[in-house]
Amino acid sequence: MTNSVHSRQIHLVLIDALNLIRRVEGGLQSIPNQTKVDPQQLIGLTQQAINKLIRGHQPSHLIAVFDGDGDNWRKEIYPQYKENRKPMSTELAQLLPQLKTFWQAMGVHIIQPIHDEADDVIATLAHKVRHHNTKNKCTIISTDQGYLQLLPQGVAIWDHFKQQWQDELFTQNKFSVAPSQLLDYWSIVGQSGNKIPGVVGLGPKAALSLLTQFGTLKNALTAGEQEQSKNIAKLKQNISQAQLSYRLVRLKQNIQLGGSLSDYKYTFCGD
């Protein structure tokens, strides 16, 4: 994707589409005595959310990114990835084409890759916009904390449902590490929700101890003999697990997308 827009500061807003939809769907399902989610109500609530996001963030470019078919590169290198995760309901899958049509009528551009996950596509778009010009703004709309690894690149992350920024302070309070240490932290402890293993025998306490002492996973692995510990020994014994986990948690930023950023310019279409 090339960047051919120079007339004003770019503010690219990226919506993690299924994250937004499923959170809205979950809210509807939690309503007492609600036995079934009404499709039009779900569409209407997502439209309300998008209208609020547009008013609040004033995007120059607006994209909603959906997941591909699940047959992605992470599954190829680690078949257990996201194993046993509850699949999308048939009702919601059948509703998505209609929902996308409504969103497009609001000026939202849709990207749905064939195989790739939305996370990697969003990370790629964010990287390209920020790398092209650091004055460009990029805001990701999602509750997925995997995007926190992008904070050091100047990307902003907004939790629409809690109406708060997921920033460096949020990261520190949640994980007790800086955003720049998150990939190393997850490489050690894994991500249970995605079935990413981490290092056997090393939990959050051990990970924090290692990263507090050494700063990075690389430094811990190259520690001198005088700095050796049981945690270092476990880490070195299971280095392949840590390396695999690192590959799985790290968002790709080089997905081939084609086209130009100007293709995704937001044009007001009314409420």
C-alpha atoms as a PDB file:
ATOM      1  CA  MET A   1       0.000   0.000   0.000  1.00  0.00           C
ATOM      2  CA  THR A   2       1.356   3.390  -0.946  1.00  0.00           C
ATOM      3  CA  ASN A   3       0.594   6.732   0.670  1.00  0.00           C
ATOM      4  CA  SER A   4      -0.421   9.435  -1.796  1.00  0.00           C
ATOM      5  CA  VAL A   5      -2.367  11.802   0.471  1.00  0.00           C
ATOM      6  CA  HIS A   6      -0.574  15.017   1.460  1.00  0.00           C
ATOM      7  CA  SER A   7      -3.277  17.721   1.641  1.00  0.00           C
ATOM      8  CA  ARG A   8      -3.770  17.558   5.419  1.00  0.00           C
ATOM      9  CA  GLN A   9      -2.679  15.585   8.426  1.00  0.00           C
ATOM     10  CA  ILE A  10      -3.729  12.002   8.127  1.00  0.00           C
ATOM     11  CA  HIS A  11      -5.664  10.374  10.910  1.00  0.00           C
ATOM     12  CA  LEU A  12      -6.287   6.752  10.057  1.00  0.00           C
ATOM     13  CA  VAL A  13      -8.867   5.063  12.280  1.00  0.00           C
ATOM     14  CA  LEU A  14      -8.780   1.259  12.159  1.00  0.00           C
ATOM     15  CA  ILE A  15     -11.724  -0.694  13.543  1.00  0.00           C
ATOM     16  CA  ASP A  16     -11.107  -4.257  14.679  1.00  0.00           C
ATOM     17  CA  ALA A  17     -14.437  -5.254  13.184  1.00  0.00           C
ATOM     18  CA  LEU A  18     -15.221  -8.606  14.784  1.00  0.00           C
ATOM     19  CA  ASN A  19     -13.957  -7.364  18.140  1.00  0.00           C
ATOM     20  CA  LEU A  20     -16.500  -4.546  17.986  1.00  0.00           C
ATOM     21  CA  ILE A  21     -19.327  -6.728  16.705  1.00  0.00           C
ATOM     22  CA  ARG A  22     -18.822  -9.519  19.218  1.00  0.00           C
ATOM     23  CA  ARG A  23     -18.623  -7.105  22.127  1.00  0.00           C
ATOM     24  CA  VAL A  24     -21.924  -5.559  21.053  1.00  0.00           C
ATOM     25  CA  GLU A  25     -23.401  -9.035  20.552  1.00  0.00           C
ATOM     26  CA  GLY A  26     -22.182 -10.082  24.004  1.00  0.00           C
ATOM     27  CA  GLY A  27     -23.851  -7.058  25.551  1.00  0.00           C
ATOM     28  CA  LEU A  28     -27.157  -7.960  23.937  1.00  0.00           C
ATOM     29  CA  GLN A  29     -26.886 -11.572  25.069  1.00  0.00           C
ATOM     30  CA  SER A  30     -26.356 -10.448  28.655  1.00  0.00           C
ATOM     31  CA  ILE A  31     -29.715  -8.663  28.775  1.00  0.00           C
ATOM     32  CA  PRO A  32     -32.058 -10.565  31.147  1.00  0.00           C
ATOM     33  CA  ASN A  33     -34.786 -12.604  29.414  1.00  0.00           C
ATOM     34  CA  GLN A  34     -33.160 -12.007  26.013  1.00  0.00           C
ATOM     35  CA  THR A  35     -33.166 -15.463  24.443  1.00  0.00           C
ATOM     36  CA  LYS A  36     -31.999 -14.432  20.984  1.00  0.00           C
ATOM     37  CA  VAL A  37     -30.096 -11.483  19.564  1.00  0.00           C
ATOM     38  CA  ASP A  38     -32.196  -9.412  17.187  1.00  0.00           C
ATOM     39  CA  PRO A  39     -30.145  -8.931  13.965  1.00  0.00           C
ATOM     40  CA  GLN A  40     -31.406  -5.432  13.220  1.00  0.00           C
ATOM     41  CA  GLN A  41     -30.754  -4.369  16.788  1.00  0.00           C
ATOM     42  CA  LEU A  42     -27.193  -5.661  16.513  1.00  0.00           C
ATOM     43  CA  ILE A  43     -26.642  -3.784  13.252  1.00  0.00           C
ATOM     44  CA  GLY A  44     -28.185  -0.632  14.709  1.00  0.00           C
ATOM     45  CA  LEU A  45     -25.981  -0.709  17.794  1.00  0.00           C
ATOM     46  CA  THR A  46     -22.826  -1.183  15.735  1.00  0.00           C
ATOM     47  CA  GLN A  47     -23.887   1.771  13.578  1.00  0.00           C
ATOM     48  CA  GLN A  48     -24.376   3.861  16.706  1.00  0.00           C
ATOM     49  CA  ALA A  49     -20.909   2.855  17.887  1.00  0.00           C
ATOM     50  CA  ILE A  50     -19.321   3.809  14.563  1.00  0.00           C
ATOM     51  CA  ASN A  51     -21.120   7.151  14.473  1.00  0.00           C
ATOM     52  CA  LYS A  52     -19.785   7.873  17.965  1.00  0.00           C
ATOM     53  CA  LEU A  53     -16.275   6.858  16.911  1.00  0.00           C
ATOM     54  CA  ILE A  54     -16.407   9.123  13.865  1.00  0.00           C
ATOM     55  CA  ARG A  55     -17.595  12.101  15.905  1.00  0.00           C
ATOM     56  CA  GLY A  56     -15.032  11.488  18.634  1.00  0.00           C
ATOM     57  CA  HIS A  57     -11.959  10.716  16.522  1.00  0.00           C
ATOM     58  CA  GLN A  58     -12.580  12.722  13.329  1.00  0.00           C
ATOM     59  CA  PRO A  59     -10.819  10.317  10.939  1.00  0.00           C
ATOM     60  CA  SER A  60      -9.446  11.379   7.597  1.00  0.00           C
ATOM     61  CA  HIS A  61      -9.378   7.695   6.642  1.00  0.00           C
ATOM     62  CA  LEU A  62     -11.565   4.965   8.083  1.00  0.00           C
ATOM     63  CA  ILE A  63     -11.207   1.196   7.690  1.00  0.00           C
ATOM     64  CA  ALA A  64     -12.917  -1.755   9.351  1.00  0.00           C
ATOM     65  CA  VAL A  65     -10.801  -4.897   9.123  1.00  0.00           C
ATOM     66  CA  PHE A  66     -12.293  -8.385   9.340  1.00  0.00           C
ATOM     67  CA  ASP A  67     -10.482 -11.691   9.847  1.00  0.00           C
ATOM     68  CA  GLY A  68      -9.759 -14.051   6.998  1.00  0.00           C
ATOM     69  CA  ASP A  69     -10.853 -17.672   6.986  1.00  0.00           C
ATOM     70  CA  GLY A  70      -8.600 -18.742   9.884  1.00  0.00           C
ATOM     71  CA  ASP A  71      -6.213 -20.702   7.669  1.00  0.00           C
ATOM     72  CA  ASN A  72      -3.353 -18.363   8.535  1.00  0.00           C
ATOM     73  CA  TRP A  73       0.402 -18.544   9.003  1.00  0.00           C
ATOM     74  CA  ARG A  74       0.142 -18.993  12.779  1.00  0.00           C
ATOM     75  CA  LYS A  75      -1.925 -22.146  12.300  1.00  0.00           C
ATOM     76  CA  GLU A  76       0.714 -23.434   9.898  1.00  0.00           C
ATOM     77  CA  ILE A  77       3.555 -23.160  12.397  1.00  0.00           C
ATOM     78  CA  TYR A  78       1.484 -24.018  15.487  1.00  0.00           C
ATOM     79  CA  PRO A  79      -1.733 -25.975  14.790  1.00  0.00           C
ATOM     80  CA  GLN A  80      -2.927 -25.538  18.400  1.00  0.00           C
ATOM     81  CA  TYR A  81      -3.181 -21.771  17.928  1.00  0.00           C
ATOM     82  CA  LYS A  82      -6.639 -20.596  19.108  1.00  0.00           C
ATOM     83  CA  GLU A  83      -7.630 -24.242  19.457  1.00  0.00           C
ATOM     84  CA  ASN A  84     -11.068 -24.882  20.963  1.00  0.00           C
ATOM     85  CA  ARG A  85     -12.085 -21.225  20.610  1.00  0.00           C
ATOM     86  CA  LYS A  86     -15.845 -20.942  20.225  1.00  0.00           C
ATOM     87  CA  PRO A  87     -16.628 -20.441  16.534  1.00  0.00           C
ATOM     88  CA  MET A  88     -18.764 -17.643  15.215  1.00  0.00           C
ATOM     89  CA  SER A  89     -22.452 -18.493  15.315  1.00  0.00           C
ATOM     90  CA  THR A  90     -24.152 -19.325  12.014  1.00  0.00           C
ATOM     91  CA  GLU A  91     -26.590 -16.471  12.606  1.00  0.00           C
ATOM     92  CA  LEU A  92     -23.810 -13.906  12.966  1.00  0.00           C
ATOM     93  CA  ALA A  93     -21.883 -15.257   9.972  1.00  0.00           C
ATOM     94  CA  GLN A  94     -25.004 -14.919   7.825  1.00  0.00           C
ATOM     95  CA  LEU A  95     -25.547 -11.377   9.076  1.00  0.00           C
ATOM     96  CA  LEU A  96     -22.060 -10.071   8.260  1.00  0.00           C
ATOM     97  CA  PRO A  97     -22.664  -9.268   4.551  1.00  0.00           C
ATOM     98  CA  GLN A  98     -25.678  -7.131   5.454  1.00  0.00           C
ATOM     99  CA  LEU A  99     -23.802  -5.480   8.293  1.00  0.00           C
ATOM    100  CA  LYS A 100     -20.880  -4.627   6.003  1.00  0.00           C
ATOM    101  CA  THR A 101     -23.276  -3.041   3.512  1.00  0.00           C
ATOM    102  CA  PHE A 102     -24.700  -0.784   6.226  1.00  0.00           C
ATOM    103  CA  TRP A 103     -21.211   0.171   7.379  1.00  0.00           C
ATOM    104  CA  GLN A 104     -20.087   0.991   3.845  1.00  0.00           C
ATOM    105  CA  ALA A 105     -23.114   3.254   3.441  1.00  0.00           C
ATOM    106  CA  MET A 106     -21.742   5.184   6.442  1.00  0.00           C
ATOM    107  CA  GLY A 107     -18.409   5.759   4.724  1.00  0.00           C
ATOM    108  CA  VAL A 108     -16.533   2.870   6.343  1.00  0.00           C
ATOM    109  CA  HIS A 109     -14.122   1.060   4.034  1.00  0.00           C
ATOM    110  CA  ILE A 110     -13.940  -2.715   4.485  1.00  0.00           C
ATOM    111  CA  ILE A 111     -10.881  -4.932   4.284  1.00  0.00           C
ATOM    112  CA  GLN A 112     -11.206  -8.688   4.635  1.00  0.00           C
ATOM    113  CA  PRO A 113      -8.133 -10.708   3.646  1.00  0.00           C
ATOM    114  CA  ILE A 114      -8.448 -14.245   2.367  1.00  0.00           C
ATOM    115  CA  HIS A 115      -6.436 -15.880   5.137  1.00  0.00           C
ATOM    116  CA  ASP A 116      -4.725 -13.286   7.319  1.00  0.00           C
ATOM    117  CA  GLU A 117      -5.951 -12.211  10.727  1.00  0.00           C
ATOM    118  CA  ALA A 118      -7.297  -8.704  11.227  1.00  0.00           C
ATOM    119  CA  ASP A 119      -4.575  -8.091  13.852  1.00  0.00           C
ATOM    120  CA  ASP A 120      -1.772  -8.410  11.297  1.00  0.00           C
ATOM    121  CA  VAL A 121      -3.564  -6.341   8.658  1.00  0.00           C
ATOM    122  CA  ILE A 122      -4.272  -3.588  11.195  1.00  0.00           C
ATOM    123  CA  ALA A 123      -0.653  -3.652  12.405  1.00  0.00           C
ATOM    124  CA  THR A 124       0.548  -3.399   8.797  1.00  0.00           C
ATOM    125  CA  LEU A 125      -1.705  -0.428   8.037  1.00  0.00           C
ATOM    126  CA  ALA A 126      -0.704   1.322  11.266  1.00  0.00           C
ATOM    127  CA  HIS A 127       2.991   0.760  10.577  1.00  0.00           C
ATOM    128  CA  LYS A 128       2.790   2.069   7.000  1.00  0.00           C
ATOM    129  CA  VAL A 129       0.964   5.232   7.981  1.00  0.00           C
ATOM    130  CA  ARG A 130       3.258   6.032  10.924  1.00  0.00           C
ATOM    131  CA  HIS A 131       6.436   4.997   9.098  1.00  0.00           C
ATOM    132  CA  HIS A 132       5.572   7.205   6.102  1.00  0.00           C
ATOM    133  CA  ASN A 133       5.255  10.308   8.277  1.00  0.00           C
ATOM    134  CA  THR A 134       5.472  10.379  12.067  1.00  0.00           C
ATOM    135  CA  LYS A 135       3.064  13.344  12.067  1.00  0.00           C
ATOM    136  CA  ASN A 136       0.364  11.008  10.780  1.00  0.00           C
ATOM    137  CA  LYS A 137      -2.012   9.752  13.449  1.00  0.00           C
ATOM    138  CA  CYS A 138      -3.343   6.232  13.709  1.00  0.00           C
ATOM    139  CA  THR A 139      -5.989   5.056  16.163  1.00  0.00           C
ATOM    140  CA  ILE A 140      -6.960   1.415  16.588  1.00  0.00           C
ATOM    141  CA  ILE A 141     -10.449   0.711  17.935  1.00  0.00           C
ATOM    142  CA  SER A 142     -10.273  -2.555  19.856  1.00  0.00           C
ATOM    143  CA  THR A 143     -10.256  -4.166  23.282  1.00  0.00           C
ATOM    144  CA  ASP A 144      -7.644  -6.702  22.097  1.00  0.00           C
ATOM    145  CA  GLN A 145      -4.553  -6.093  24.221  1.00  0.00           C
ATOM    146  CA  GLY A 146      -2.277  -7.656  21.611  1.00  0.00           C
ATOM    147  CA  TYR A 147      -2.174  -4.254  19.927  1.00  0.00           C
ATOM    148  CA  LEU A 148      -0.392  -2.769  22.934  1.00  0.00           C
ATOM    149  CA  GLN A 149       2.895  -3.883  21.379  1.00  0.00           C
ATOM    150  CA  LEU A 150       2.352  -1.118  18.777  1.00  0.00           C
ATOM    151  CA  LEU A 151       2.355   1.708  21.341  1.00  0.00           C
ATOM    152  CA  PRO A 152       6.110   2.380  20.987  1.00  0.00           C
ATOM    153  CA  GLN A 153       5.449   3.211  17.320  1.00  0.00           C
ATOM    154  CA  GLY A 154       3.146   6.060  18.288  1.00  0.00           C
ATOM    155  CA  VAL A 155      -0.091   4.207  17.577  1.00  0.00           C
ATOM    156  CA  ALA A 156      -3.085   5.043  19.791  1.00  0.00           C
ATOM    157  CA  ILE A 157      -5.521   2.376  21.014  1.00  0.00           C
ATOM    158  CA  TRP A 158      -9.061   3.206  22.089  1.00  0.00           C
ATOM    159  CA  ASP A 159     -11.387   0.940  24.071  1.00  0.00           C
ATOM    160  CA  HIS A 160     -14.812   2.072  22.860  1.00  0.00           C
ATOM    161  CA  PHE A 161     -16.672   0.123  25.520  1.00  0.00           C
ATOM    162  CA  LYS A 162     -14.764   1.491  28.504  1.00  0.00           C
ATOM    163  CA  GLN A 163     -14.262   4.839  26.774  1.00  0.00           C
ATOM    164  CA  GLN A 164     -10.577   4.911  27.641  1.00  0.00           C
ATOM    165  CA  TRP A 165      -7.171   4.876  26.013  1.00  0.00           C
ATOM    166  CA  GLN A 166      -5.095   1.747  26.327  1.00  0.00           C
ATOM    167  CA  ASP A 167      -1.791   3.547  26.721  1.00  0.00           C
ATOM    168  CA  GLU A 168       1.568   3.080  28.436  1.00  0.00           C
ATOM    169  CA  LEU A 169       0.090   3.639  31.898  1.00  0.00           C
ATOM    170  CA  PHE A 170      -2.666   1.118  31.145  1.00  0.00           C
ATOM    171  CA  THR A 171      -0.024  -1.403  30.040  1.00  0.00           C
ATOM    172  CA  GLN A 172       2.071  -0.846  33.142  1.00  0.00           C
ATOM    173  CA  ASN A 173      -0.941  -1.262  35.423  1.00  0.00           C
ATOM    174  CA  LYS A 174      -2.136  -4.373  33.586  1.00  0.00           C
ATOM    175  CA  PHE A 175       1.129  -6.247  33.051  1.00  0.00           C
ATOM    176  CA  SER A 176       3.710  -4.392  35.200  1.00  0.00           C
ATOM    177  CA  VAL A 177       5.979  -3.997  32.158  1.00  0.00           C
ATOM    178  CA  ALA A 178       6.536  -1.295  29.559  1.00  0.00           C
ATOM    179  CA  PRO A 179       4.928  -1.716  26.115  1.00  0.00           C
ATOM    180  CA  SER A 180       8.392  -2.325  24.651  1.00  0.00           C
ATOM    181  CA  GLN A 181       8.742  -5.400  26.913  1.00  0.00           C
ATOM    182  CA  LEU A 182       5.378  -6.973  26.126  1.00  0.00           C
ATOM    183  CA  LEU A 183       6.572  -9.315  23.387  1.00  0.00           C
ATOM    184  CA  ASP A 184       9.284 -10.689  25.671  1.00  0.00           C
ATOM    185  CA  TYR A 185       6.789 -10.954  28.538  1.00  0.00           C
ATOM    186  CA  TRP A 186       4.270 -12.902  26.433  1.00  0.00           C
ATOM    187  CA  SER A 187       7.064 -15.071  25.025  1.00  0.00           C
ATOM    188  CA  ILE A 188       7.708 -16.257  28.584  1.00  0.00           C
ATOM    189  CA  VAL A 189       4.172 -16.466  30.033  1.00  0.00           C
ATOM    190  CA  GLY A 190       2.269 -17.205  26.805  1.00  0.00           C
ATOM    191  CA  GLN A 191      -1.300 -16.157  26.032  1.00  0.00           C
ATOM    192  CA  SER A 192      -3.849 -18.640  27.325  1.00  0.00           C
ATOM    193  CA  GLY A 193      -6.731 -17.155  25.316  1.00  0.00           C
ATOM    194  CA  ASN A 194      -4.874 -17.839  22.067  1.00  0.00           C
ATOM    195  CA  LYS A 195      -3.370 -21.151  23.257  1.00  0.00           C
ATOM    196  CA  ILE A 196       0.147 -19.720  22.925  1.00  0.00           C
ATOM    197  CA  PRO A 197       2.314 -21.825  25.254  1.00  0.00           C
ATOM    198  CA  GLY A 198       5.066 -19.640  26.701  1.00  0.00           C
ATOM    199  CA  VAL A 199       7.789 -21.339  28.761  1.00  0.00           C
ATOM    200  CA  VAL A 200       6.805 -24.264  30.956  1.00  0.00           C
ATOM    201  CA  GLY A 201       7.392 -23.484  34.621  1.00  0.00           C
ATOM    202  CA  LEU A 202       7.724 -19.718  34.192  1.00  0.00           C
ATOM    203  CA  GLY A 203       4.721 -17.586  35.045  1.00  0.00           C
ATOM    204  CA  PRO A 204       4.122 -13.829  35.358  1.00  0.00           C
ATOM    205  CA  LYS A 205       6.172 -13.499  38.562  1.00  0.00           C
ATOM    206  CA  ALA A 206       9.211 -15.153  37.008  1.00  0.00           C
ATOM    207  CA  ALA A 207       8.809 -13.146  33.786  1.00  0.00           C
ATOM    208  CA  LEU A 208       8.675  -9.876  35.707  1.00  0.00           C
ATOM    209  CA  SER A 209      11.738 -10.857  37.717  1.00  0.00           C
ATOM    210  CA  LEU A 210      13.706 -11.642  34.562  1.00  0.00           C
ATOM    211  CA  LEU A 211      12.633  -8.516  32.699  1.00  0.00           C
ATOM    212  CA  THR A 212      13.219  -6.282  35.716  1.00  0.00           C
ATOM    213  CA  GLN A 213      16.738  -7.629  36.088  1.00  0.00           C
ATOM    214  CA  PHE A 214      17.748  -7.936  32.436  1.00  0.00           C
ATOM    215  CA  GLY A 215      15.348  -5.658  30.544  1.00  0.00           C
ATOM    216  CA  THR A 216      14.914  -8.001  27.585  1.00  0.00           C
ATOM    217  CA  LEU A 217      14.614 -11.697  26.829  1.00  0.00           C
ATOM    218  CA  LYS A 218      17.812 -11.525  24.755  1.00  0.00           C
ATOM    219  CA  ASN A 219      19.765 -10.089  27.668  1.00  0.00           C
ATOM    220  CA  ALA A 220      18.439 -12.797  29.982  1.00  0.00           C
ATOM    221  CA  LEU A 221      19.519 -15.534  27.580  1.00  0.00           C
ATOM    222  CA  THR A 222      23.045 -14.107  27.349  1.00  0.00           C
ATOM    223  CA  ALA A 223      23.446 -13.599  31.102  1.00  0.00           C
ATOM    224  CA  GLY A 224      26.868 -14.373  32.529  1.00  0.00           C
ATOM    225  CA  GLU A 225      27.548 -17.277  34.875  1.00  0.00           C
ATOM    226  CA  GLN A 226      27.427 -15.029  37.946  1.00  0.00           C
ATOM    227  CA  GLU A 227      23.855 -14.065  37.023  1.00  0.00           C
ATOM    228  CA  GLN A 228      22.551 -17.590  36.445  1.00  0.00           C
ATOM    229  CA  SER A 229      19.390 -18.628  38.309  1.00  0.00           C
ATOM    230  CA  LYS A 230      16.722 -21.321  38.226  1.00  0.00           C
ATOM    231  CA  ASN A 231      14.590 -19.065  36.043  1.00  0.00           C
ATOM    232  CA  ILE A 232      17.445 -18.542  33.596  1.00  0.00           C
ATOM    233  CA  ALA A 233      18.045 -22.298  33.514  1.00  0.00           C
ATOM    234  CA  LYS A 234      14.373 -23.002  32.726  1.00  0.00           C
ATOM    235  CA  LEU A 235      14.401 -20.309  30.049  1.00  0.00           C
ATOM    236  CA  LYS A 236      17.472 -21.763  28.360  1.00  0.00           C
ATOM    237  CA  GLN A 237      16.108 -25.311  28.567  1.00  0.00           C
ATOM    238  CA  ASN A 238      12.936 -24.185  26.802  1.00  0.00           C
ATOM    239  CA  ILE A 239      14.324 -21.580  24.430  1.00  0.00           C
ATOM    240  CA  SER A 240      12.492 -23.091  21.458  1.00  0.00           C
ATOM    241  CA  GLN A 241       9.172 -22.573  23.263  1.00  0.00           C
ATOM    242  CA  ALA A 242      10.010 -18.938  23.967  1.00  0.00           C
ATOM    243  CA  GLN A 243      11.070 -18.360  20.364  1.00  0.00           C
ATOM    244  CA  LEU A 244       7.882 -19.965  19.029  1.00  0.00           C
ATOM    245  CA  SER A 245       5.738 -17.912  21.376  1.00  0.00           C
ATOM    246  CA  TYR A 246       7.536 -14.735  20.312  1.00  0.00           C
ATOM    247  CA  ARG A 247       6.762 -15.453  16.660  1.00  0.00           C
ATOM    248  CA  LEU A 248       3.113 -16.131  17.465  1.00  0.00           C
ATOM    249  CA  VAL A 249       2.461 -13.046  19.610  1.00  0.00           C
ATOM    250  CA  ARG A 250       4.335 -10.611  17.384  1.00  0.00           C
ATOM    251  CA  LEU A 251       2.016  -8.880  14.929  1.00  0.00           C
ATOM    252  CA  LYS A 252       3.171  -8.917  11.328  1.00  0.00           C
ATOM    253  CA  GLN A 253       3.594  -5.498   9.781  1.00  0.00           C
ATOM    254  CA  ASN A 254       4.387  -6.505   6.215  1.00  0.00           C
ATOM    255  CA  ILE A 255       1.141  -8.021   4.936  1.00  0.00           C
ATOM    256  CA  GLN A 256       0.792  -7.381   1.209  1.00  0.00           C
ATOM    257  CA  LEU A 257      -2.306  -5.253   0.741  1.00  0.00           C
ATOM    258  CA  GLY A 258      -1.889  -3.337  -2.503  1.00  0.00           C
ATOM    259  CA  GLY A 259      -3.722  -0.130  -3.316  1.00  0.00           C
ATOM    260  CA  SER A 260      -3.193   3.325  -1.871  1.00  0.00           C
ATOM    261  CA  LEU A 261      -4.218   4.998   1.361  1.00  0.00           C
ATOM    262  CA  SER A 262      -6.270   7.431  -0.703  1.00  0.00           C
ATOM    263  CA  ASP A 263      -8.590   4.503  -1.477  1.00  0.00           C
ATOM    264  CA  TYR A 264      -9.703   4.573   2.153  1.00  0.00           C
ATOM    265  CA  LYS A 265     -10.403   8.271   2.601  1.00  0.00           C
ATOM    266  CA  TYR A 266     -13.409   8.902   4.803  1.00  0.00           C
ATOM    267  CA  THR A 267     -16.260  10.837   3.222  1.00  0.00           C
ATOM    268  CA  PHE A 268     -19.129  11.917   5.439  1.00  0.00           C
ATOM    269  CA  CYS A 269     -22.296  10.047   4.464  1.00  0.00           C
ATOM    270  CA  GLY A 270     -24.650  11.309   7.192  1.00  0.00           C
ATOM    271  CA  ASP A 271     -25.989   9.504  10.274  1.00  0.00           C
END
